[in-house]
Amino acid sequence: MKKIMKWFSISFLILLIVLISSVYSFHKFKENKESTLLENNTGTLIDFNGKKINVYSEGSGENTFVLMAGSAVAAPMYELKGLYRHFSKEDKIAVVERAGYGYSDVFNDDRDIDVILEQTREALIKGGNNPPYVLIPHSISGIEAIYWAQKYPNEVKAIVALDIGLPSQYIKHPVGLAEKTFMKAGNVLSELGFQRVFPILAYNEAVLDKDFLTSKEKDIFKAISNKHGINNDMKQEKVNSVDNSKKSTALPVPKTTPILFIDAYLDKNSEAAKASLKDYQDFAKQLDASNVIQIKSKHSIYLYHPTKIFEETQKFMQEIVEN
């Protein structure tokens, strides 16, 4: 029996090594093959001590809308296109792909909120986008957007918050063991190339069902996403979300910054939906100008209701911000 168990263990180990080696080799083969696709960057690469951050801009007009991607949205320039194409018809848009995202390099740092914010500000200006901005953050980038308004209120004309995580929410409900484990395991698996086997480690497949990307852009979207997977910068953003949030809650709320909160829900009567709405309403009450609306949607609301978001933003800008 011991010999059988030993043989089984050795055989399993050999098979595991063969599997990992095969997946990794296939991943590197595909990366090499897809490298020509990634030469088509239409953004501007901004240098930060030898590493690059990508800024994509289009359109022109009075306002500059800055779209800020949520956690692990590996290719923001492509995934957010369905939303920003509405804004760029009359105004200017900018997408800053944070370190570890899109055409930007992985910086392999601890993703401190001050570092993230200063990189974003510098990248925007060097990319030809001057303040003030209307920030459109999604999910975890809500921490950065609110912190930005707290530290540099003159640079933030307004915020359109797409189902964001408030700093207080990250502190009250810190990233749990399951999510940390997923991010850490996903980080390791991505390094080995397993996003080729499990696309959930790389991208939201719902993006591919939408019509705002051409077939070539969908190939680029997948190539970028598979290149990044869940990288170290994405992992560190999650791991440090509480510490980053505490820096924000230590400052006064950005009272003079108009904020439109767009709350996504699936079941309005669920305890989670009620709590989220209350958090947004409580924060909004502290501001001079604000509004809270709800839209029935999955968390990636920009994929499912881009026209509604655009219309509500235009209404908010006309009636509240510019009135």
Protein backbone atom coordinates (compact mmCIF):
# COMPACT_ATOMS: atom_id res chain seq x y z
CA MET A 1 0.00 0.00 0.00
CA LYS A 2 2.83 2.41 0.84
CA LYS A 3 4.43 1.71 -2.55
CA ILE A 4 1.12 2.39 -4.30
CA MET A 5 0.65 5.68 -2.42
CA LYS A 6 4.21 6.70 -3.17
CA TRP A 7 3.77 5.86 -6.84
CA PHE A 8 0.48 7.78 -6.93
CA SER A 9 2.04 10.83 -5.28
CA ILE A 10 4.99 10.87 -7.65
CA SER A 11 2.73 10.40 -10.67
CA PHE A 12 0.44 13.21 -9.52
CA LEU A 13 3.41 15.53 -8.97
CA ILE A 14 4.77 14.75 -12.44
CA LEU A 15 1.37 15.38 -14.02
CA LEU A 16 1.04 18.66 -12.12
CA ILE A 17 4.46 19.82 -13.28
CA VAL A 18 3.62 18.85 -16.86
CA LEU A 19 0.29 20.69 -16.65
CA ILE A 20 1.81 23.88 -15.23
CA SER A 21 4.67 23.79 -17.73
CA SER A 22 2.27 23.26 -20.62
CA VAL A 23 -0.03 26.11 -19.58
CA TYR A 24 2.90 28.46 -18.99
CA SER A 25 4.49 27.57 -22.34
CA PHE A 26 1.19 28.08 -24.15
CA HIS A 27 0.70 31.44 -22.39
CA LYS A 28 4.14 32.67 -23.44
CA PHE A 29 3.57 31.42 -26.99
CA LYS A 30 0.29 33.34 -27.18
CA GLU A 31 1.85 36.46 -25.60
CA ASN A 32 4.55 36.46 -28.25
CA LYS A 33 1.99 35.96 -30.99
CA GLU A 34 -0.22 38.75 -29.64
CA SER A 35 2.62 41.24 -29.21
CA THR A 36 1.96 42.84 -32.60
CA LEU A 37 -1.61 43.60 -31.51
CA LEU A 38 -0.28 45.61 -28.58
CA GLU A 39 1.68 47.93 -30.86
CA ASN A 40 -1.55 49.72 -31.78
CA ASN A 41 -1.73 51.95 -28.69
CA THR A 42 -3.37 55.26 -29.57
CA GLY A 43 -2.76 56.69 -26.12
CA THR A 44 0.22 58.60 -24.71
CA LEU A 45 2.81 56.83 -22.57
CA ILE A 46 4.06 58.99 -19.69
CA ASP A 47 7.44 58.11 -18.16
CA PHE A 48 7.84 57.58 -14.42
CA ASN A 49 11.48 56.74 -13.75
CA GLY A 50 11.65 54.23 -16.58
CA LYS A 51 8.14 52.83 -16.24
CA LYS A 52 5.16 54.02 -18.25
CA ILE A 53 1.57 55.00 -17.54
CA ASN A 54 -0.82 55.23 -20.47
CA VAL A 55 -3.29 58.09 -20.97
CA TYR A 56 -5.91 57.90 -23.70
CA SER A 57 -7.80 61.03 -24.74
CA GLU A 58 -10.37 61.89 -27.37
CA GLY A 59 -12.84 64.64 -28.15
CA SER A 60 -12.81 68.33 -27.28
CA GLY A 61 -15.03 70.73 -25.41
CA GLU A 62 -15.47 72.71 -22.24
CA ASN A 63 -15.30 69.80 -19.80
CA THR A 64 -12.76 67.02 -19.42
CA PHE A 65 -14.32 63.81 -18.11
CA VAL A 66 -11.76 61.48 -16.51
CA LEU A 67 -12.83 57.84 -16.43
CA MET A 68 -11.32 55.80 -13.60
CA ALA A 69 -11.56 52.02 -13.80
CA GLY A 70 -12.48 49.66 -11.00
CA SER A 71 -10.34 46.88 -9.60
CA ALA A 72 -8.91 44.34 -12.08
CA VAL A 73 -10.47 46.01 -15.14
CA ALA A 74 -7.33 45.07 -17.03
CA ALA A 75 -7.95 47.05 -20.25
CA PRO A 76 -9.78 50.27 -19.26
CA MET A 77 -9.21 52.02 -22.58
CA TYR A 78 -11.32 49.35 -24.26
CA GLU A 79 -13.72 48.25 -21.54
CA LEU A 80 -14.89 51.80 -20.82
CA LYS A 81 -15.35 52.76 -24.46
CA GLY A 82 -19.09 52.09 -24.45
CA LEU A 83 -19.45 54.86 -21.87
CA TYR A 84 -16.88 57.46 -22.87
CA ARG A 85 -17.90 57.48 -26.55
CA HIS A 86 -21.07 59.30 -25.43
CA PHE A 87 -19.11 62.02 -23.63
CA SER A 88 -16.48 62.59 -26.30
CA LYS A 89 -19.10 63.70 -28.84
CA GLU A 90 -19.35 67.09 -27.13
CA ASP A 91 -16.56 67.15 -24.55
CA LYS A 92 -13.09 65.77 -23.92
CA ILE A 93 -12.49 62.46 -22.19
CA ALA A 94 -9.37 60.97 -20.67
CA VAL A 95 -8.71 57.45 -19.42
CA VAL A 96 -5.69 57.08 -17.17
CA GLU A 97 -4.65 53.43 -17.08
CA ARG A 98 -3.16 53.06 -13.62
CA ALA A 99 0.02 51.08 -13.04
CA GLY A 100 -0.75 47.44 -13.83
CA TYR A 101 -3.59 48.29 -16.21
CA GLY A 102 -3.94 48.48 -19.98
CA TYR A 103 -0.84 49.65 -21.83
CA SER A 104 0.76 50.81 -18.56
CA ASP A 105 3.61 48.92 -16.91
CA VAL A 106 3.30 46.94 -13.69
CA PHE A 107 5.10 49.00 -11.05
CA ASN A 108 5.27 46.30 -8.35
CA ASP A 109 4.89 48.75 -5.47
CA ASP A 110 2.47 48.82 -2.53
CA ARG A 111 -0.10 51.00 -4.36
CA ASP A 112 -0.28 53.73 -1.73
CA ILE A 113 -3.12 56.15 -2.52
CA ASP A 114 -0.83 59.19 -2.50
CA VAL A 115 1.42 57.56 -5.09
CA ILE A 116 -1.56 56.53 -7.24
CA LEU A 117 -3.09 60.01 -7.12
CA GLU A 118 0.12 61.87 -7.93
CA GLN A 119 0.79 59.53 -10.85
CA THR A 120 -2.72 60.12 -12.17
CA ARG A 121 -2.44 63.90 -11.88
CA GLU A 122 0.96 64.05 -13.53
CA ALA A 123 -0.02 61.63 -16.29
CA LEU A 124 -3.12 63.67 -17.14
CA ILE A 125 -1.26 66.98 -17.38
CA LYS A 126 1.65 65.53 -19.37
CA GLY A 127 -0.90 63.85 -21.59
CA GLY A 128 -2.39 67.24 -22.47
CA ASN A 129 -5.38 67.20 -20.09
CA ASN A 130 -5.52 70.15 -17.72
CA PRO A 131 -7.78 70.59 -14.66
CA PRO A 132 -10.46 71.07 -13.56
CA TYR A 133 -11.87 67.61 -14.27
CA VAL A 134 -15.17 65.82 -13.92
CA LEU A 135 -14.15 62.48 -12.41
CA ILE A 136 -16.08 59.31 -13.28
CA PRO A 137 -14.77 56.62 -10.92
CA HIS A 138 -16.08 53.07 -10.68
CA SER A 139 -15.81 50.75 -7.69
CA ILE A 140 -12.41 50.93 -5.91
CA SER A 141 -11.34 54.08 -7.78
CA GLY A 142 -13.91 55.92 -5.67
CA ILE A 143 -11.24 56.05 -2.96
CA GLU A 144 -8.91 57.96 -5.28
CA ALA A 145 -11.62 60.28 -6.61
CA ILE A 146 -12.83 61.36 -3.18
CA TYR A 147 -9.25 61.73 -1.90
CA TRP A 148 -8.48 63.85 -4.96
CA ALA A 149 -11.37 66.20 -4.17
CA GLN A 150 -10.22 66.39 -0.55
CA LYS A 151 -6.60 67.24 -1.37
CA TYR A 152 -7.04 69.30 -4.54
CA PRO A 153 -10.63 70.63 -4.58
CA ASN A 154 -9.85 73.20 -7.29
CA GLU A 155 -8.94 70.40 -9.69
CA VAL A 156 -12.24 68.51 -9.33
CA LYS A 157 -15.26 70.21 -10.88
CA ALA A 158 -17.57 67.31 -10.01
CA ILE A 159 -17.64 63.55 -9.43
CA VAL A 160 -19.99 61.05 -11.08
CA ALA A 161 -19.59 58.04 -8.81
CA LEU A 162 -20.48 54.75 -10.52
CA ASP A 163 -21.33 52.26 -7.78
CA ILE A 164 -18.16 53.26 -5.97
CA GLY A 165 -16.80 51.92 -2.74
CA LEU A 166 -16.77 54.78 -0.25
CA PRO A 167 -13.65 54.95 1.95
CA SER A 168 -15.86 54.41 5.01
CA GLN A 169 -17.30 51.26 3.42
CA TYR A 170 -13.85 49.75 2.85
CA ILE A 171 -13.02 50.41 6.50
CA LYS A 172 -16.36 49.09 7.76
CA HIS A 173 -16.25 46.06 5.46
CA PRO A 174 -12.57 45.33 4.77
CA VAL A 175 -11.54 42.93 2.05
CA GLY A 176 -12.30 39.52 3.50
CA LEU A 177 -10.20 36.39 3.59
CA ALA A 178 -12.02 34.86 0.63
CA GLU A 179 -11.43 37.89 -1.60
CA LYS A 180 -7.81 38.24 -0.48
CA THR A 181 -7.26 34.55 -1.16
CA PHE A 182 -8.83 34.90 -4.61
CA MET A 183 -6.62 37.89 -5.45
CA LYS A 184 -3.46 36.22 -4.16
CA ALA A 185 -4.23 32.89 -5.81
CA GLY A 186 -5.27 34.71 -8.98
CA ASN A 187 -1.99 36.61 -8.90
CA VAL A 188 0.01 33.36 -8.77
CA LEU A 189 -2.14 31.63 -11.38
CA SER A 190 -1.87 34.67 -13.69
CA GLU A 191 1.92 34.58 -13.48
CA LEU A 192 1.69 30.97 -14.67
CA GLY A 193 -0.72 31.81 -17.47
CA PHE A 194 -3.87 30.12 -16.16
CA GLN A 195 -6.02 33.06 -17.32
CA ARG A 196 -5.85 31.32 -20.70
CA VAL A 197 -7.77 28.45 -19.10
CA PHE A 198 -9.95 30.51 -16.74
CA PRO A 199 -10.87 33.84 -18.44
CA ILE A 200 -12.42 35.12 -15.19
CA LEU A 201 -8.86 35.76 -14.03
CA ALA A 202 -8.36 38.19 -16.91
CA TYR A 203 -11.54 39.89 -18.06
CA ASN A 204 -15.31 40.25 -17.93
CA GLU A 205 -16.63 38.21 -20.86
CA ALA A 206 -19.70 40.46 -21.03
CA VAL A 207 -17.48 43.06 -22.74
CA LEU A 208 -17.17 40.76 -25.75
CA ASP A 209 -20.96 40.62 -26.14
CA LYS A 210 -21.24 44.39 -26.56
CA ASP A 211 -21.12 46.22 -29.89
CA PHE A 212 -18.89 49.17 -28.94
CA LEU A 213 -15.66 47.35 -29.82
CA THR A 214 -14.65 46.21 -33.31
CA SER A 215 -13.54 42.62 -33.77
CA LYS A 216 -9.91 43.77 -33.79
CA GLU A 217 -10.42 45.82 -30.63
CA LYS A 218 -11.91 42.75 -28.94
CA ASP A 219 -8.75 40.83 -29.84
CA ILE A 220 -6.62 43.63 -28.38
CA PHE A 221 -8.83 43.73 -25.29
CA LYS A 222 -8.30 40.00 -24.72
CA ALA A 223 -4.56 40.24 -25.42
CA ILE A 224 -4.04 43.04 -22.89
CA SER A 225 -6.22 41.32 -20.31
CA ASN A 226 -4.44 38.00 -20.71
CA LYS A 227 -1.08 39.74 -20.46
CA HIS A 228 -1.99 41.36 -17.14
CA GLY A 229 -4.28 38.76 -15.55
CA ILE A 230 -4.46 39.61 -11.85
CA ASN A 231 -1.05 41.20 -11.45
CA ASN A 232 0.75 42.42 -8.36
CA ASP A 233 -0.47 46.03 -8.68
CA MET A 234 -4.11 44.88 -8.79
CA LYS A 235 -3.55 42.63 -5.80
CA GLN A 236 -1.90 45.41 -3.78
CA GLU A 237 -4.73 47.85 -4.52
CA LYS A 238 -7.13 45.42 -2.87
CA VAL A 239 -4.85 44.49 0.01
CA ASN A 240 -4.16 48.16 0.83
CA SER A 241 -7.73 49.41 0.33
CA VAL A 242 -8.31 49.87 4.07
CA ASP A 243 -5.07 51.81 4.69
CA ASN A 244 -5.76 53.96 1.63
CA SER A 245 -9.31 54.61 2.80
CA LYS A 246 -8.11 55.68 6.26
CA LYS A 247 -6.07 58.45 4.64
CA SER A 248 -9.30 59.76 3.13
CA THR A 249 -11.48 59.47 6.23
CA ALA A 250 -8.82 61.36 8.19
CA LEU A 251 -9.62 64.44 6.08
CA PRO A 252 -12.83 66.52 5.97
CA VAL A 253 -15.39 65.47 3.37
CA PRO A 254 -15.06 67.36 0.05
CA LYS A 255 -18.02 69.57 0.94
CA THR A 256 -17.79 71.90 -2.05
CA THR A 257 -17.41 69.18 -4.70
CA PRO A 258 -20.72 68.27 -6.38
CA ILE A 259 -21.14 64.47 -6.44
CA LEU A 260 -23.69 62.37 -8.31
CA PHE A 261 -23.90 58.92 -6.77
CA ILE A 262 -25.20 56.23 -9.13
CA ASP A 263 -26.03 53.18 -7.08
CA ALA A 264 -26.31 49.83 -8.90
CA TYR A 265 -28.58 47.21 -7.37
CA LEU A 266 -30.09 43.86 -8.36
CA ASP A 267 -32.56 43.51 -5.50
CA LYS A 268 -33.64 46.85 -4.06
CA ASN A 269 -35.08 45.13 -0.99
CA SER A 270 -31.91 43.27 -0.05
CA GLU A 271 -30.06 44.32 3.08
CA ALA A 272 -26.90 45.00 1.06
CA ALA A 273 -28.75 47.31 -1.35
CA LYS A 274 -30.44 49.19 1.50
CA ALA A 275 -27.13 49.64 3.33
CA SER A 276 -25.35 50.85 0.20
CA LEU A 277 -28.06 53.40 -0.57
CA LYS A 278 -28.01 54.69 3.01
CA ASP A 279 -24.22 55.09 2.92
CA TYR A 280 -24.44 57.15 -0.26
CA GLN A 281 -27.29 59.26 1.10
CA ASP A 282 -25.47 59.91 4.38
CA PHE A 283 -22.35 61.02 2.52
CA ALA A 284 -24.39 63.15 0.11
CA LYS A 285 -26.07 65.01 2.98
CA GLN A 286 -22.67 66.39 4.00
CA LEU A 287 -22.11 68.04 0.61
CA ASP A 288 -23.25 71.41 -0.69
CA ALA A 289 -24.49 69.85 -3.94
CA SER A 290 -25.27 66.19 -4.54
CA ASN A 291 -27.75 63.65 -5.79
CA VAL A 292 -28.23 59.91 -5.36
CA ILE A 293 -29.98 57.80 -7.96
CA GLN A 294 -30.43 54.05 -8.30
CA ILE A 295 -30.25 51.94 -11.45
CA LYS A 296 -31.05 48.25 -11.53
CA SER A 297 -27.83 46.74 -12.83
CA LYS A 298 -24.88 44.50 -12.18
CA HIS A 299 -21.85 46.17 -10.59
CA SER A 300 -20.20 46.91 -13.97
CA ILE A 301 -22.96 49.42 -14.60
CA TYR A 302 -21.07 51.23 -17.37
CA LEU A 303 -21.44 48.12 -19.55
CA TYR A 304 -25.18 47.86 -19.17
CA HIS A 305 -26.47 51.44 -18.89
CA PRO A 306 -23.99 53.80 -20.61
CA THR A 307 -26.72 55.96 -22.18
CA LYS A 308 -28.55 56.34 -18.87
CA ILE A 309 -25.31 57.28 -17.09
CA PHE A 310 -24.56 59.88 -19.78
CA GLU A 311 -28.05 61.37 -19.59
CA GLU A 312 -28.04 61.56 -15.80
CA THR A 313 -24.58 63.13 -15.86
CA GLN A 314 -25.65 65.76 -18.37
CA LYS A 315 -28.69 66.55 -16.25
CA PHE A 316 -26.58 66.81 -13.09
CA MET A 317 -24.02 69.05 -14.80
CA GLN A 318 -26.66 71.39 -16.21
CA GLU A 319 -28.92 71.61 -13.16
CA ILE A 320 -26.43 71.37 -10.29
CA VAL A 321 -22.82 71.91 -11.32
CA GLU A 322 -23.10 74.67 -13.92
CA ASN A 323 -26.26 76.33 -12.66
